[in-house]
Amino acid sequence: MSDSPIEEMNFETAMAELQGVVERLERGEVALDESIKLYERGAALKARCDQKLKEAEEKVAAITLDEAGNPIGTKPAEGL
C-alpha cells in the first residue's frame, strides 16, 4: 500500500494500487485492523478511478465532429 495522496494519482496509478488492495484482501492474510485500512483505501481509490473516468467521458463527449465524422475541435461540456 502506497502512502501517496490519492487525490494526486492518475487513473493508471490508482487502478494499479486498487488491484493490489483487492488482491491482499482476497488472500485474507492481513490482520483485521489492516484489512479495515485496506478497505478504506480501496474505497477511496475506487472513487478516484470513477472521478478520472468521468472526466475522460466528459472530454470525449465534448469532441465535435464534421459532416464526415472527423474530429474538428471541442466544445465546453454542458453544466460545468
Protein backbone atom coordinates (compact mmCIF):
# COMPACT_ATOMS: atom_id res chain seq x y z
CA MET A 1 0.00 0.00 0.00
CA SER A 2 1.36 3.36 -1.04
CA ASP A 3 1.31 6.49 1.10
CA SER A 4 0.83 8.65 -2.00
CA PRO A 5 -2.07 11.10 -1.79
CA ILE A 6 -4.93 9.54 -3.74
CA GLU A 7 -6.22 12.90 -4.99
CA GLU A 8 -2.93 13.39 -6.89
CA MET A 9 -2.95 9.98 -8.60
CA ASN A 10 -3.68 9.48 -12.26
CA PHE A 11 -6.11 6.76 -13.30
CA GLU A 12 -3.48 4.13 -14.04
CA THR A 13 -1.69 4.56 -10.72
CA ALA A 14 -4.92 4.48 -8.72
CA MET A 15 -6.16 1.41 -10.60
CA ALA A 16 -2.90 -0.48 -10.09
CA GLU A 17 -2.93 0.21 -6.37
CA LEU A 18 -6.62 -0.70 -6.15
CA GLN A 19 -5.87 -4.05 -7.78
CA GLY A 20 -3.13 -4.65 -5.21
CA VAL A 21 -5.50 -3.81 -2.36
CA VAL A 22 -8.13 -6.21 -3.70
CA GLU A 23 -5.57 -9.00 -4.07
CA ARG A 24 -4.37 -8.55 -0.48
CA LEU A 25 -7.92 -8.54 0.87
CA GLU A 26 -8.87 -11.60 -1.17
CA ARG A 27 -5.89 -13.57 0.18
CA GLY A 28 -7.08 -12.82 3.71
CA GLU A 29 -3.54 -12.80 5.05
CA VAL A 30 -3.79 -9.46 6.85
CA ALA A 31 -4.99 -8.70 10.36
CA LEU A 32 -8.43 -7.22 10.90
CA ASP A 33 -7.16 -3.68 11.57
CA GLU A 34 -5.03 -3.78 8.43
CA SER A 35 -7.97 -5.17 6.45
CA ILE A 36 -10.11 -2.22 7.53
CA LYS A 37 -7.40 0.25 6.49
CA LEU A 38 -7.00 -1.54 3.16
CA TYR A 39 -10.75 -1.49 2.57
CA GLU A 40 -10.96 2.24 3.32
CA ARG A 41 -8.04 3.00 1.00
CA GLY A 42 -9.58 0.77 -1.65
CA ALA A 43 -12.86 2.68 -1.44
CA ALA A 44 -11.00 5.98 -1.86
CA LEU A 45 -9.00 4.57 -4.79
CA LYS A 46 -12.21 3.39 -6.46
CA ALA A 47 -13.73 6.85 -6.04
CA ARG A 48 -10.62 8.38 -7.64
CA CYS A 49 -10.83 5.97 -10.58
CA ASP A 50 -14.53 6.79 -11.01
CA GLN A 51 -13.72 10.51 -10.96
CA LYS A 52 -10.95 10.18 -13.57
CA LEU A 53 -13.20 8.07 -15.83
CA LYS A 54 -15.99 10.65 -15.58
CA GLU A 55 -13.53 13.40 -16.52
CA ALA A 56 -12.41 11.38 -19.55
CA GLU A 57 -16.00 10.70 -20.60
CA GLU A 58 -16.78 14.42 -20.41
CA LYS A 59 -13.77 15.21 -22.61
CA VAL A 60 -14.82 12.62 -25.18
CA ALA A 61 -18.40 13.89 -25.14
CA ALA A 62 -17.12 17.42 -25.85
CA ILE A 63 -15.42 16.43 -29.12
CA THR A 64 -17.22 17.91 -32.12
CA LEU A 65 -17.31 16.18 -35.50
CA ASP A 66 -17.73 17.46 -39.04
CA GLU A 67 -20.22 16.01 -41.53
CA ALA A 68 -17.77 13.20 -42.40
CA GLY A 69 -17.34 12.23 -38.74
CA ASN A 70 -13.86 13.69 -38.38
CA PRO A 71 -13.00 15.50 -35.14
CA ILE A 72 -12.80 19.25 -35.64
CA GLY A 73 -12.50 20.57 -32.13
CA THR A 74 -14.11 20.56 -28.76
CA LYS A 75 -16.97 22.35 -27.14
CA PRO A 76 -17.33 23.16 -23.45
CA ALA A 77 -19.05 20.39 -21.55
CA GLU A 78 -22.56 21.40 -20.50
CA GLY A 79 -23.16 22.02 -16.83
CA LEU A 80 -19.53 22.81 -15.93
